[in-house]
Amino acid sequence: TDAARWEAYRLAERAPACVGAVTPAA
């Protein structure tokens, strides 16, 4: 479960919308 959650977090972090965001956001 922990590994799956970590992978989902990393995918969200590397998503094009997240990487290409103009202003920092959480």
mmCIF file of all heavy atoms, coordinates in Angstrom:
data_MODEL
# 
_entry.id   MODEL 
# 
loop_
_atom_site.group_PDB 
_atom_site.id 
_atom_site.type_symbol 
_atom_site.label_atom_id 
_atom_site.label_alt_id 
_atom_site.label_comp_id 
_atom_site.label_asym_id 
_atom_site.label_entity_id 
_atom_site.label_seq_id 
_atom_site.pdbx_PDB_ins_code 
_atom_site.Cartn_x 
_atom_site.Cartn_y 
_atom_site.Cartn_z 
_atom_site.occupancy 
_atom_site.B_iso_or_equiv 
_atom_site.pdbx_formal_charge 
_atom_site.auth_seq_id 
_atom_site.auth_comp_id 
_atom_site.auth_asym_id 
_atom_site.auth_atom_id 
_atom_site.pdbx_PDB_model_num 
ATOM 1   N N   . THR A 1 1  ? 0.840  -1.207 0.000   1.00 0.00 ? 1  THR A N   1 
ATOM 2   C CA  . THR A 1 1  ? 0.000  0.000  0.000   1.00 0.00 ? 1  THR A CA  1 
ATOM 3   C C   . THR A 1 1  ? 0.869  1.250  0.000   1.00 0.00 ? 1  THR A C   1 
ATOM 4   O O   . THR A 1 1  ? 0.613  2.198  -0.737  1.00 0.00 ? 1  THR A O   1 
ATOM 5   C CB  . THR A 1 1  ? -0.937 -0.005 1.227   1.00 0.00 ? 1  THR A CB  1 
ATOM 6   O OG1 . THR A 1 1  ? -1.772 -1.152 1.152   1.00 0.00 ? 1  THR A OG1 1 
ATOM 7   C CG2 . THR A 1 1  ? -1.781 1.243  1.285   1.00 0.00 ? 1  THR A CG2 1 
ATOM 8   N N   . ASP A 1 2  ? 1.914  1.257  0.847   1.00 0.00 ? 2  ASP A N   1 
ATOM 9   C CA  . ASP A 1 2  ? 2.815  2.402  0.906   1.00 0.00 ? 2  ASP A CA  1 
ATOM 10  C C   . ASP A 1 2  ? 3.506  2.643  -0.430  1.00 0.00 ? 2  ASP A C   1 
ATOM 11  O O   . ASP A 1 2  ? 3.632  3.785  -0.877  1.00 0.00 ? 2  ASP A O   1 
ATOM 12  C CB  . ASP A 1 2  ? 3.867  2.198  2.001   1.00 0.00 ? 2  ASP A CB  1 
ATOM 13  C CG  . ASP A 1 2  ? 3.276  2.208  3.396   1.00 0.00 ? 2  ASP A CG  1 
ATOM 14  O OD1 . ASP A 1 2  ? 2.132  2.685  3.563   1.00 0.00 ? 2  ASP A OD1 1 
ATOM 15  O OD2 . ASP A 1 2  ? 3.957  1.729  4.332   1.00 0.00 ? 2  ASP A OD2 1 
ATOM 16  N N   . ALA A 1 3  ? 3.947  1.567  -1.078  1.00 0.00 ? 3  ALA A N   1 
ATOM 17  C CA  . ALA A 1 3  ? 4.613  1.711  -2.378  1.00 0.00 ? 3  ALA A CA  1 
ATOM 18  C C   . ALA A 1 3  ? 3.652  2.255  -3.430  1.00 0.00 ? 3  ALA A C   1 
ATOM 19  O O   . ALA A 1 3  ? 4.032  3.117  -4.245  1.00 0.00 ? 3  ALA A O   1 
ATOM 20  C CB  . ALA A 1 3  ? 5.183  0.364  -2.823  1.00 0.00 ? 3  ALA A CB  1 
ATOM 21  N N   . ALA A 1 4  ? 2.412  1.795  -3.422  1.00 0.00 ? 4  ALA A N   1 
ATOM 22  C CA  . ALA A 1 4  ? 1.423  2.289  -4.384  1.00 0.00 ? 4  ALA A CA  1 
ATOM 23  C C   . ALA A 1 4  ? 1.120  3.771  -4.134  1.00 0.00 ? 4  ALA A C   1 
ATOM 24  O O   . ALA A 1 4  ? 0.995  4.557  -5.086  1.00 0.00 ? 4  ALA A O   1 
ATOM 25  C CB  . ALA A 1 4  ? 0.146  1.467  -4.300  1.00 0.00 ? 4  ALA A CB  1 
ATOM 26  N N   . ARG A 1 5  ? 1.012  4.144  -2.868  1.00 0.00 ? 5  ARG A N   1 
ATOM 27  C CA  . ARG A 1 5  ? 0.765  5.557  -2.556  1.00 0.00 ? 5  ARG A CA  1 
ATOM 28  C C   . ARG A 1 5  ? 1.939  6.429  -2.984  1.00 0.00 ? 5  ARG A C   1 
ATOM 29  O O   . ARG A 1 5  ? 1.758  7.525  -3.521  1.00 0.00 ? 5  ARG A O   1 
ATOM 30  C CB  . ARG A 1 5  ? 0.518  5.728  -1.050  1.00 0.00 ? 5  ARG A CB  1 
ATOM 31  C CG  . ARG A 1 5  ? -0.836 5.242  -0.603  1.00 0.00 ? 5  ARG A CG  1 
ATOM 32  C CD  . ARG A 1 5  ? -1.003 5.417  0.880   1.00 0.00 ? 5  ARG A CD  1 
ATOM 33  N NE  . ARG A 1 5  ? -2.367 5.122  1.305   1.00 0.00 ? 5  ARG A NE  1 
ATOM 34  C CZ  . ARG A 1 5  ? -2.806 5.289  2.530   1.00 0.00 ? 5  ARG A CZ  1 
ATOM 35  N NH1 . ARG A 1 5  ? -1.994 5.737  3.469   1.00 0.00 ? 5  ARG A NH1 1 
ATOM 36  N NH2 . ARG A 1 5  ? -4.057 5.011  2.830   1.00 0.00 ? 5  ARG A NH2 1 
ATOM 37  N N   . TRP A 1 6  ? 3.159  5.966  -2.737  1.00 0.00 ? 6  TRP A N   1 
ATOM 38  C CA  . TRP A 1 6  ? 4.337  6.739  -3.121  1.00 0.00 ? 6  TRP A CA  1 
ATOM 39  C C   . TRP A 1 6  ? 4.400  6.898  -4.638  1.00 0.00 ? 6  TRP A C   1 
ATOM 40  O O   . TRP A 1 6  ? 4.695  7.976  -5.142  1.00 0.00 ? 6  TRP A O   1 
ATOM 41  C CB  . TRP A 1 6  ? 5.601  6.058  -2.597  1.00 0.00 ? 6  TRP A CB  1 
ATOM 42  C CG  . TRP A 1 6  ? 6.850  6.761  -3.012  1.00 0.00 ? 6  TRP A CG  1 
ATOM 43  C CD1 . TRP A 1 6  ? 7.796  6.311  -3.874  1.00 0.00 ? 6  TRP A CD1 1 
ATOM 44  C CD2 . TRP A 1 6  ? 7.286  8.060  -2.602  1.00 0.00 ? 6  TRP A CD2 1 
ATOM 45  N NE1 . TRP A 1 6  ? 8.787  7.242  -4.026  1.00 0.00 ? 6  TRP A NE1 1 
ATOM 46  C CE2 . TRP A 1 6  ? 8.498  8.324  -3.255  1.00 0.00 ? 6  TRP A CE2 1 
ATOM 47  C CE3 . TRP A 1 6  ? 6.754  9.023  -1.750  1.00 0.00 ? 6  TRP A CE3 1 
ATOM 48  C CZ2 . TRP A 1 6  ? 9.195  9.506  -3.074  1.00 0.00 ? 6  TRP A CZ2 1 
ATOM 49  C CZ3 . TRP A 1 6  ? 7.453  10.207 -1.572  1.00 0.00 ? 6  TRP A CZ3 1 
ATOM 50  C CH2 . TRP A 1 6  ? 8.653  10.436 -2.229  1.00 0.00 ? 6  TRP A CH2 1 
ATOM 51  N N   . GLU A 1 7  ? 4.089  5.851  -5.374  1.00 0.00 ? 7  GLU A N   1 
ATOM 52  C CA  . GLU A 1 7  ? 4.096  5.925  -6.835  1.00 0.00 ? 7  GLU A CA  1 
ATOM 53  C C   . GLU A 1 7  ? 3.033  6.899  -7.336  1.00 0.00 ? 7  GLU A C   1 
ATOM 54  O O   . GLU A 1 7  ? 3.286  7.688  -8.253  1.00 0.00 ? 7  GLU A O   1 
ATOM 55  C CB  . GLU A 1 7  ? 3.885  4.531  -7.433  1.00 0.00 ? 7  GLU A CB  1 
ATOM 56  C CG  . GLU A 1 7  ? 4.014  4.492  -8.931  1.00 0.00 ? 7  GLU A CG  1 
ATOM 57  C CD  . GLU A 1 7  ? 5.387  4.906  -9.436  1.00 0.00 ? 7  GLU A CD  1 
ATOM 58  O OE1 . GLU A 1 7  ? 6.384  4.688  -8.732  1.00 0.00 ? 7  GLU A OE1 1 
ATOM 59  O OE2 . GLU A 1 7  ? 5.449  5.460  -10.547 1.00 0.00 ? 7  GLU A OE2 1 
ATOM 60  N N   . ALA A 1 8  ? 1.843  6.865  -6.742  1.00 0.00 ? 8  ALA A N   1 
ATOM 61  C CA  . ALA A 1 8  ? 0.786  7.807  -7.143  1.00 0.00 ? 8  ALA A CA  1 
ATOM 62  C C   . ALA A 1 8  ? 1.204  9.251  -6.842  1.00 0.00 ? 8  ALA A C   1 
ATOM 63  O O   . ALA A 1 8  ? 0.943  10.166 -7.634  1.00 0.00 ? 8  ALA A O   1 
ATOM 64  C CB  . ALA A 1 8  ? -0.517 7.472  -6.419  1.00 0.00 ? 8  ALA A CB  1 
ATOM 65  N N   . TYR A 1 9  ? 1.865  9.461  -5.724  1.00 0.00 ? 9  TYR A N   1 
ATOM 66  C CA  . TYR A 1 9  ? 2.347  10.808 -5.381  1.00 0.00 ? 9  TYR A CA  1 
ATOM 67  C C   . TYR A 1 9  ? 3.387  11.269 -6.398  1.00 0.00 ? 9  TYR A C   1 
ATOM 68  O O   . TYR A 1 9  ? 3.350  12.408 -6.869  1.00 0.00 ? 9  TYR A O   1 
ATOM 69  C CB  . TYR A 1 9  ? 2.944  10.810 -3.965  1.00 0.00 ? 9  TYR A CB  1 
ATOM 70  C CG  . TYR A 1 9  ? 3.525  12.132 -3.571  1.00 0.00 ? 9  TYR A CG  1 
ATOM 71  C CD1 . TYR A 1 9  ? 2.707  13.132 -3.059  1.00 0.00 ? 9  TYR A CD1 1 
ATOM 72  C CD2 . TYR A 1 9  ? 4.878  12.403 -3.722  1.00 0.00 ? 9  TYR A CD2 1 
ATOM 73  C CE1 . TYR A 1 9  ? 3.232  14.371 -2.709  1.00 0.00 ? 9  TYR A CE1 1 
ATOM 74  C CE2 . TYR A 1 9  ? 5.412  13.623 -3.378  1.00 0.00 ? 9  TYR A CE2 1 
ATOM 75  C CZ  . TYR A 1 9  ? 4.597  14.605 -2.873  1.00 0.00 ? 9  TYR A CZ  1 
ATOM 76  O OH  . TYR A 1 9  ? 5.116  15.823 -2.536  1.00 0.00 ? 9  TYR A OH  1 
ATOM 77  N N   . ARG A 1 10 ? 4.340  10.393 -6.724  1.00 0.00 ? 10 ARG A N   1 
ATOM 78  C CA  . ARG A 1 10 ? 5.374  10.758 -7.689  1.00 0.00 ? 10 ARG A CA  1 
ATOM 79  C C   . ARG A 1 10 ? 4.778  11.041 -9.073  1.00 0.00 ? 10 ARG A C   1 
ATOM 80  O O   . ARG A 1 10 ? 5.231  11.943 -9.774  1.00 0.00 ? 10 ARG A O   1 
ATOM 81  C CB  . ARG A 1 10 ? 6.419  9.650  -7.792  1.00 0.00 ? 10 ARG A CB  1 
ATOM 82  C CG  . ARG A 1 10 ? 7.221  9.434  -6.528  1.00 0.00 ? 10 ARG A CG  1 
ATOM 83  C CD  . ARG A 1 10 ? 8.101  10.583 -6.173  1.00 0.00 ? 10 ARG A CD  1 
ATOM 84  N NE  . ARG A 1 10 ? 9.161  10.672 -7.171  1.00 0.00 ? 10 ARG A NE  1 
ATOM 85  C CZ  . ARG A 1 10 ? 9.864  11.766 -7.412  1.00 0.00 ? 10 ARG A CZ  1 
ATOM 86  N NH1 . ARG A 1 10 ? 9.619  12.860 -6.736  1.00 0.00 ? 10 ARG A NH1 1 
ATOM 87  N NH2 . ARG A 1 10 ? 10.787 11.775 -8.329  1.00 0.00 ? 10 ARG A NH2 1 
ATOM 88  N N   . LEU A 1 11 ? 3.750  10.266 -9.483  1.00 0.00 ? 11 LEU A N   1 
ATOM 89  C CA  . LEU A 1 11 ? 3.094  10.524 -10.767 1.00 0.00 ? 11 LEU A CA  1 
ATOM 90  C C   . LEU A 1 11 ? 2.396  11.875 -10.759 1.00 0.00 ? 11 LEU A C   1 
ATOM 91  O O   . LEU A 1 11 ? 2.454  12.622 -11.743 1.00 0.00 ? 11 LEU A O   1 
ATOM 92  C CB  . LEU A 1 11 ? 2.088  9.416  -11.087 1.00 0.00 ? 11 LEU A CB  1 
ATOM 93  C CG  . LEU A 1 11 ? 2.681  8.078  -11.517 1.00 0.00 ? 11 LEU A CG  1 
ATOM 94  C CD1 . LEU A 1 11 ? 1.586  7.036  -11.644 1.00 0.00 ? 11 LEU A CD1 1 
ATOM 95  C CD2 . LEU A 1 11 ? 3.435  8.236  -12.829 1.00 0.00 ? 11 LEU A CD2 1 
ATOM 96  N N   . ALA A 1 12 ? 1.744  12.222 -9.658  1.00 0.00 ? 12 ALA A N   1 
ATOM 97  C CA  . ALA A 1 12 ? 1.085  13.527 -9.556  1.00 0.00 ? 12 ALA A CA  1 
ATOM 98  C C   . ALA A 1 12 ? 2.113  14.652 -9.580  1.00 0.00 ? 12 ALA A C   1 
ATOM 99  O O   . ALA A 1 12 ? 1.888  15.711 -10.175 1.00 0.00 ? 12 ALA A O   1 
ATOM 100 C CB  . ALA A 1 12 ? 0.253  13.601 -8.276  1.00 0.00 ? 12 ALA A CB  1 
ATOM 101 N N   . GLU A 1 13 ? 3.247  14.423 -8.970  1.00 0.00 ? 13 GLU A N   1 
ATOM 102 C CA  . GLU A 1 13 ? 4.308  15.432 -8.926  1.00 0.00 ? 13 GLU A CA  1 
ATOM 103 C C   . GLU A 1 13 ? 4.933  15.646 -10.300 1.00 0.00 ? 13 GLU A C   1 
ATOM 104 O O   . GLU A 1 13 ? 5.346  16.759 -10.637 1.00 0.00 ? 13 GLU A O   1 
ATOM 105 C CB  . GLU A 1 13 ? 5.371  14.955 -7.934  1.00 0.00 ? 13 GLU A CB  1 
ATOM 106 C CG  . GLU A 1 13 ? 6.420  15.976 -7.590  1.00 0.00 ? 13 GLU A CG  1 
ATOM 107 C CD  . GLU A 1 13 ? 7.380  15.434 -6.554  1.00 0.00 ? 13 GLU A CD  1 
ATOM 108 O OE1 . GLU A 1 13 ? 7.908  14.320 -6.732  1.00 0.00 ? 13 GLU A OE1 1 
ATOM 109 O OE2 . GLU A 1 13 ? 7.609  16.137 -5.571  1.00 0.00 ? 13 GLU A OE2 1 
ATOM 110 N N   . ARG A 1 14 ? 4.985  14.586 -11.121 1.00 0.00 ? 14 ARG A N   1 
ATOM 111 C CA  . ARG A 1 14 ? 5.589  14.690 -12.458 1.00 0.00 ? 14 ARG A CA  1 
ATOM 112 C C   . ARG A 1 14 ? 4.571  14.940 -13.557 1.00 0.00 ? 14 ARG A C   1 
ATOM 113 O O   . ARG A 1 14 ? 4.928  14.958 -14.735 1.00 0.00 ? 14 ARG A O   1 
ATOM 114 C CB  . ARG A 1 14 ? 6.357  13.405 -12.763 1.00 0.00 ? 14 ARG A CB  1 
ATOM 115 C CG  . ARG A 1 14 ? 7.593  13.215 -11.902 1.00 0.00 ? 14 ARG A CG  1 
ATOM 116 C CD  . ARG A 1 14 ? 8.439  12.059 -12.371 1.00 0.00 ? 14 ARG A CD  1 
ATOM 117 N NE  . ARG A 1 14 ? 7.671  10.826 -12.569 1.00 0.00 ? 14 ARG A NE  1 
ATOM 118 C CZ  . ARG A 1 14 ? 7.739  9.757  -11.781 1.00 0.00 ? 14 ARG A CZ  1 
ATOM 119 N NH1 . ARG A 1 14 ? 8.526  9.766  -10.749 1.00 0.00 ? 14 ARG A NH1 1 
ATOM 120 N NH2 . ARG A 1 14 ? 7.006  8.692  -12.042 1.00 0.00 ? 14 ARG A NH2 1 
ATOM 121 N N   . ALA A 1 15 ? 3.311  15.123 -13.198 1.00 0.00 ? 15 ALA A N   1 
ATOM 122 C CA  . ALA A 1 15 ? 2.280  15.376 -14.208 1.00 0.00 ? 15 ALA A CA  1 
ATOM 123 C C   . ALA A 1 15 ? 2.593  16.682 -14.943 1.00 0.00 ? 15 ALA A C   1 
ATOM 124 O O   . ALA A 1 15 ? 3.088  17.642 -14.346 1.00 0.00 ? 15 ALA A O   1 
ATOM 125 C CB  . ALA A 1 15 ? 0.911  15.451 -13.543 1.00 0.00 ? 15 ALA A CB  1 
ATOM 126 N N   . PRO A 1 16 ? 2.313  16.746 -16.252 1.00 0.00 ? 16 PRO A N   1 
ATOM 127 C CA  . PRO A 1 16 ? 2.621  17.957 -17.025 1.00 0.00 ? 16 PRO A CA  1 
ATOM 128 C C   . PRO A 1 16 ? 1.972  19.220 -16.452 1.00 0.00 ? 16 PRO A C   1 
ATOM 129 O O   . PRO A 1 16 ? 2.590  20.292 -16.444 1.00 0.00 ? 16 PRO A O   1 
ATOM 130 C CB  . PRO A 1 16 ? 2.076  17.640 -18.420 1.00 0.00 ? 16 PRO A CB  1 
ATOM 131 C CG  . PRO A 1 16 ? 2.066  16.157 -18.504 1.00 0.00 ? 16 PRO A CG  1 
ATOM 132 C CD  . PRO A 1 16 ? 1.796  15.676 -17.106 1.00 0.00 ? 16 PRO A CD  1 
ATOM 133 N N   . ALA A 1 17 ? 0.753  19.120 -15.952 1.00 0.00 ? 17 ALA A N   1 
ATOM 134 C CA  . ALA A 1 17 ? 0.090  20.301 -15.388 1.00 0.00 ? 17 ALA A CA  1 
ATOM 135 C C   . ALA A 1 17 ? 0.820  20.790 -14.139 1.00 0.00 ? 17 ALA A C   1 
ATOM 136 O O   . ALA A 1 17 ? 0.878  22.004 -13.878 1.00 0.00 ? 17 ALA A O   1 
ATOM 137 C CB  . ALA A 1 17 ? -1.360 19.975 -15.053 1.00 0.00 ? 17 ALA A CB  1 
ATOM 138 N N   . CYS A 1 18 ? 1.388  19.869 -13.377 1.00 0.00 ? 18 CYS A N   1 
ATOM 139 C CA  . CYS A 1 18 ? 2.090  20.258 -12.159 1.00 0.00 ? 18 CYS A CA  1 
ATOM 140 C C   . CYS A 1 18 ? 3.473  20.820 -12.482 1.00 0.00 ? 18 CYS A C   1 
ATOM 141 O O   . CYS A 1 18 ? 3.876  21.840 -11.930 1.00 0.00 ? 18 CYS A O   1 
ATOM 142 C CB  . CYS A 1 18 ? 2.214  19.045 -11.223 1.00 0.00 ? 18 CYS A CB  1 
ATOM 143 S SG  . CYS A 1 18 ? 2.863  19.438 -9.599  1.00 0.00 ? 18 CYS A SG  1 
ATOM 144 N N   . VAL A 1 19 ? 4.173  20.153 -13.369 1.00 0.00 ? 19 VAL A N   1 
ATOM 145 C CA  . VAL A 1 19 ? 5.522  20.604 -13.724 1.00 0.00 ? 19 VAL A CA  1 
ATOM 146 C C   . VAL A 1 19 ? 5.472  21.944 -14.447 1.00 0.00 ? 19 VAL A C   1 
ATOM 147 O O   . VAL A 1 19 ? 6.299  22.829 -14.210 1.00 0.00 ? 19 VAL A O   1 
ATOM 148 C CB  . VAL A 1 19 ? 6.224  19.545 -14.604 1.00 0.00 ? 19 VAL A CB  1 
ATOM 149 C CG1 . VAL A 1 19 ? 7.546  20.067 -15.137 1.00 0.00 ? 19 VAL A CG1 1 
ATOM 150 C CG2 . VAL A 1 19 ? 6.439  18.274 -13.814 1.00 0.00 ? 19 VAL A CG2 1 
ATOM 151 N N   . GLY A 1 20 ? 4.471  22.133 -15.324 1.00 0.00 ? 20 GLY A N   1 
ATOM 152 C CA  . GLY A 1 20 ? 4.393  23.355 -16.108 1.00 0.00 ? 20 GLY A CA  1 
ATOM 153 C C   . GLY A 1 20 ? 3.637  24.490 -15.440 1.00 0.00 ? 20 GLY A C   1 
ATOM 154 O O   . GLY A 1 20 ? 3.369  25.507 -16.083 1.00 0.00 ? 20 GLY A O   1 
ATOM 155 N N   . ALA A 1 21 ? 3.294  24.357 -14.176 1.00 0.00 ? 21 ALA A N   1 
ATOM 156 C CA  . ALA A 1 21 ? 2.553  25.424 -13.495 1.00 0.00 ? 21 ALA A CA  1 
ATOM 157 C C   . ALA A 1 21 ? 3.401  26.687 -13.444 1.00 0.00 ? 21 ALA A C   1 
ATOM 158 O O   . ALA A 1 21 ? 4.590  26.645 -13.158 1.00 0.00 ? 21 ALA A O   1 
ATOM 159 C CB  . ALA A 1 21 ? 2.169  24.988 -12.089 1.00 0.00 ? 21 ALA A CB  1 
ATOM 160 N N   . VAL A 1 22 ? 2.764  27.814 -13.751 1.00 0.00 ? 22 VAL A N   1 
ATOM 161 C CA  . VAL A 1 22 ? 3.471  29.091 -13.799 1.00 0.00 ? 22 VAL A CA  1 
ATOM 162 C C   . VAL A 1 22 ? 3.774  29.593 -12.393 1.00 0.00 ? 22 VAL A C   1 
ATOM 163 O O   . VAL A 1 22 ? 4.877  30.080 -12.120 1.00 0.00 ? 22 VAL A O   1 
ATOM 164 C CB  . VAL A 1 22 ? 2.633  30.135 -14.579 1.00 0.00 ? 22 VAL A CB  1 
ATOM 165 C CG1 . VAL A 1 22 ? 3.336  31.474 -14.597 1.00 0.00 ? 22 VAL A CG1 1 
ATOM 166 C CG2 . VAL A 1 22 ? 2.377  29.640 -15.999 1.00 0.00 ? 22 VAL A CG2 1 
ATOM 167 N N   . THR A 1 23 ? 2.821  29.466 -11.521 1.00 0.00 ? 23 THR A N   1 
ATOM 168 C CA  . THR A 1 23 ? 3.034  29.926 -10.138 1.00 0.00 ? 23 THR A CA  1 
ATOM 169 C C   . THR A 1 23 ? 3.081  28.714 -9.211  1.00 0.00 ? 23 THR A C   1 
ATOM 170 O O   . THR A 1 23 ? 2.390  27.717 -9.423  1.00 0.00 ? 23 THR A O   1 
ATOM 171 C CB  . THR A 1 23 ? 1.894  30.849 -9.684  1.00 0.00 ? 23 THR A CB  1 
ATOM 172 O OG1 . THR A 1 23 ? 0.664  30.144 -9.790  1.00 0.00 ? 23 THR A OG1 1 
ATOM 173 C CG2 . THR A 1 23 ? 1.839  32.091 -10.546 1.00 0.00 ? 23 THR A CG2 1 
ATOM 174 N N   . PRO A 1 24 ? 3.886  28.783 -8.175  1.00 0.00 ? 24 PRO A N   1 
ATOM 175 C CA  . PRO A 1 24 ? 3.937  27.673 -7.218  1.00 0.00 ? 24 PRO A CA  1 
ATOM 176 C C   . PRO A 1 24 ? 2.584  27.471 -6.530  1.00 0.00 ? 24 PRO A C   1 
ATOM 177 O O   . PRO A 1 24 ? 1.888  28.434 -6.204  1.00 0.00 ? 24 PRO A O   1 
ATOM 178 C CB  . PRO A 1 24 ? 4.986  28.117 -6.199  1.00 0.00 ? 24 PRO A CB  1 
ATOM 179 C CG  . PRO A 1 24 ? 5.783  29.168 -6.897  1.00 0.00 ? 24 PRO A CG  1 
ATOM 180 C CD  . PRO A 1 24 ? 4.857  29.826 -7.862  1.00 0.00 ? 24 PRO A CD  1 
ATOM 181 N N   . ALA A 1 25 ? 2.221  26.245 -6.347  1.00 0.00 ? 25 ALA A N   1 
ATOM 182 C CA  . ALA A 1 25 ? 0.946  25.929 -5.699  1.00 0.00 ? 25 ALA A CA  1 
ATOM 183 C C   . ALA A 1 25 ? 1.064  24.584 -5.002  1.00 0.00 ? 25 ALA A C   1 
ATOM 184 O O   . ALA A 1 25 ? 1.895  23.747 -5.356  1.00 0.00 ? 25 ALA A O   1 
ATOM 185 C CB  . ALA A 1 25 ? -0.179 25.885 -6.725  1.00 0.00 ? 25 ALA A CB  1 
ATOM 186 N N   . ALA A 1 26 ? 0.216  24.399 -4.027  1.00 0.00 ? 26 ALA A N   1 
ATOM 187 C CA  . ALA A 1 26 ? 0.133  23.114 -3.330  1.00 0.00 ? 26 ALA A CA  1 
ATOM 188 C C   . ALA A 1 26 ? -1.221 22.493 -3.671  1.00 0.00 ? 26 ALA A C   1 
ATOM 189 O O   . ALA A 1 26 ? -2.264 23.042 -3.345  1.00 0.00 ? 26 ALA A O   1 
ATOM 190 C CB  . ALA A 1 26 ? 0.272  23.306 -1.833  1.00 0.00 ? 26 ALA A CB  1 
# 
